[in-house]
Amino acid sequence: MSKYEVIIYWSQEDSAFIAEVPELPGCMADGKTYQEALANAEVIIQEWIETAEKSGRFIPAPKGRLKYA
């Protein structure tokens, strides 16, 4: 399980739960249920990090809970 903050909300437009990872630009997932969106986010976080490592991009350290959320 990653230590990055994940924000999950219902999207009426997509008819799905959306899981966003604010600390990793563009990192988001979806799912039919809250739990599925969270599980998918965990997979996408790892894929985001692996891709960043391969391309030499900066990987921010997890900050934990954001104060403005």
C-alpha atoms as a PDB file:
ATOM      1  CA  MET A   1       0.000   0.000   0.000  1.00  0.00           C
ATOM      2  CA  SER A   2       1.390   3.383  -0.979  1.00  0.00           C
ATOM      3  CA  LYS A   3       1.640   6.369   1.327  1.00  0.00           C
ATOM      4  CA  TYR A   4       0.346   8.908  -1.178  1.00  0.00           C
ATOM      5  CA  GLU A   5      -2.905  10.688  -0.460  1.00  0.00           C
ATOM      6  CA  VAL A   6      -5.809   9.409  -2.565  1.00  0.00           C
ATOM      7  CA  ILE A   7      -8.970  11.471  -2.960  1.00  0.00           C
ATOM      8  CA  ILE A   8     -12.024   9.455  -3.992  1.00  0.00           C
ATOM      9  CA  TYR A   9     -15.315  10.919  -5.171  1.00  0.00           C
ATOM     10  CA  TRP A  10     -18.362   9.917  -7.198  1.00  0.00           C
ATOM     11  CA  SER A  11     -18.525  11.233 -10.766  1.00  0.00           C
ATOM     12  CA  GLN A  12     -22.058  11.421 -12.086  1.00  0.00           C
ATOM     13  CA  GLU A  13     -20.669  12.167 -15.554  1.00  0.00           C
ATOM     14  CA  ASP A  14     -18.595   8.965 -15.584  1.00  0.00           C
ATOM     15  CA  SER A  15     -20.982   6.896 -13.448  1.00  0.00           C
ATOM     16  CA  ALA A  16     -17.968   5.748 -11.464  1.00  0.00           C
ATOM     17  CA  PHE A  17     -15.877   6.527  -8.419  1.00  0.00           C
ATOM     18  CA  ILE A  18     -12.772   8.533  -9.326  1.00  0.00           C
ATOM     19  CA  ALA A  19      -9.551   8.198  -7.332  1.00  0.00           C
ATOM     20  CA  GLU A  20      -7.064  11.051  -7.750  1.00  0.00           C
ATOM     21  CA  VAL A  21      -3.506  11.158  -6.415  1.00  0.00           C
ATOM     22  CA  PRO A  22      -2.770  14.905  -6.136  1.00  0.00           C
ATOM     23  CA  GLU A  23       0.963  14.489  -5.469  1.00  0.00           C
ATOM     24  CA  LEU A  24       1.517  12.545  -8.711  1.00  0.00           C
ATOM     25  CA  PRO A  25       0.444  14.695 -11.682  1.00  0.00           C
ATOM     26  CA  GLY A  26      -2.102  12.968 -13.902  1.00  0.00           C
ATOM     27  CA  CYS A  27      -2.295   9.914 -11.643  1.00  0.00           C
ATOM     28  CA  MET A  28      -5.898   8.809 -11.311  1.00  0.00           C
ATOM     29  CA  ALA A  29      -8.062   5.713 -11.568  1.00  0.00           C
ATOM     30  CA  ASP A  30     -11.717   4.793 -11.446  1.00  0.00           C
ATOM     31  CA  GLY A  31     -13.954   1.954 -10.346  1.00  0.00           C
ATOM     32  CA  LYS A  32     -17.567   0.866 -10.057  1.00  0.00           C
ATOM     33  CA  THR A  33     -17.222   0.880  -6.268  1.00  0.00           C
ATOM     34  CA  TYR A  34     -15.213   2.936  -3.782  1.00  0.00           C
ATOM     35  CA  GLN A  35     -13.076  -0.109  -2.965  1.00  0.00           C
ATOM     36  CA  GLU A  36     -12.434  -0.870  -6.648  1.00  0.00           C
ATOM     37  CA  ALA A  37     -11.368   2.727  -7.307  1.00  0.00           C
ATOM     38  CA  LEU A  38      -8.939   2.562  -4.371  1.00  0.00           C
ATOM     39  CA  ALA A  39      -7.514  -0.797  -5.495  1.00  0.00           C
ATOM     40  CA  ASN A  40      -7.104   0.531  -9.039  1.00  0.00           C
ATOM     41  CA  ALA A  41      -5.394   3.648  -7.675  1.00  0.00           C
ATOM     42  CA  GLU A  42      -2.822   1.483  -5.876  1.00  0.00           C
ATOM     43  CA  VAL A  43      -1.979  -0.237  -9.182  1.00  0.00           C
ATOM     44  CA  ILE A  44      -1.786   3.057 -11.062  1.00  0.00           C
ATOM     45  CA  ILE A  45       0.443   4.635  -8.402  1.00  0.00           C
ATOM     46  CA  GLN A  46       2.975   1.832  -8.842  1.00  0.00           C
ATOM     47  CA  GLU A  47       2.776   2.107 -12.640  1.00  0.00           C
ATOM     48  CA  TRP A  48       3.197   5.898 -12.419  1.00  0.00           C
ATOM     49  CA  ILE A  49       6.325   5.477 -10.281  1.00  0.00           C
ATOM     50  CA  GLU A  50       7.786   2.782 -12.550  1.00  0.00           C
ATOM     51  CA  THR A  51       7.215   4.937 -15.629  1.00  0.00           C
ATOM     52  CA  ALA A  52       8.766   7.976 -13.931  1.00  0.00           C
ATOM     53  CA  GLU A  53      11.821   5.922 -12.921  1.00  0.00           C
ATOM     54  CA  LYS A  54      12.305   4.622 -16.470  1.00  0.00           C
ATOM     55  CA  SER A  55      12.046   8.107 -17.965  1.00  0.00           C
ATOM     56  CA  GLY A  56      14.175   9.803 -15.323  1.00  0.00           C
ATOM     57  CA  ARG A  57      11.350  12.002 -14.055  1.00  0.00           C
ATOM     58  CA  PHE A  58      11.206  13.375 -10.528  1.00  0.00           C
ATOM     59  CA  ILE A  59       9.167  11.273  -8.080  1.00  0.00           C
ATOM     60  CA  PRO A  60       7.853  13.334  -5.178  1.00  0.00           C
ATOM     61  CA  ALA A  61       7.994  11.862  -1.691  1.00  0.00           C
ATOM     62  CA  PRO A  62       4.584  11.236  -0.116  1.00  0.00           C
ATOM     63  CA  LYS A  63       3.542  14.160   2.061  1.00  0.00           C
ATOM     64  CA  GLY A  64       0.555  12.523   3.687  1.00  0.00           C
ATOM     65  CA  ARG A  65      -2.648  14.386   4.302  1.00  0.00           C
ATOM     66  CA  LEU A  66      -2.828  17.722   2.525  1.00  0.00           C
ATOM     67  CA  LYS A  67      -4.011  20.634   4.643  1.00  0.00           C
ATOM     68  CA  TYR A  68      -6.271  22.123   1.989  1.00  0.00           C
ATOM     69  CA  ALA A  69      -8.250  18.975   1.178  1.00  0.00           C
END
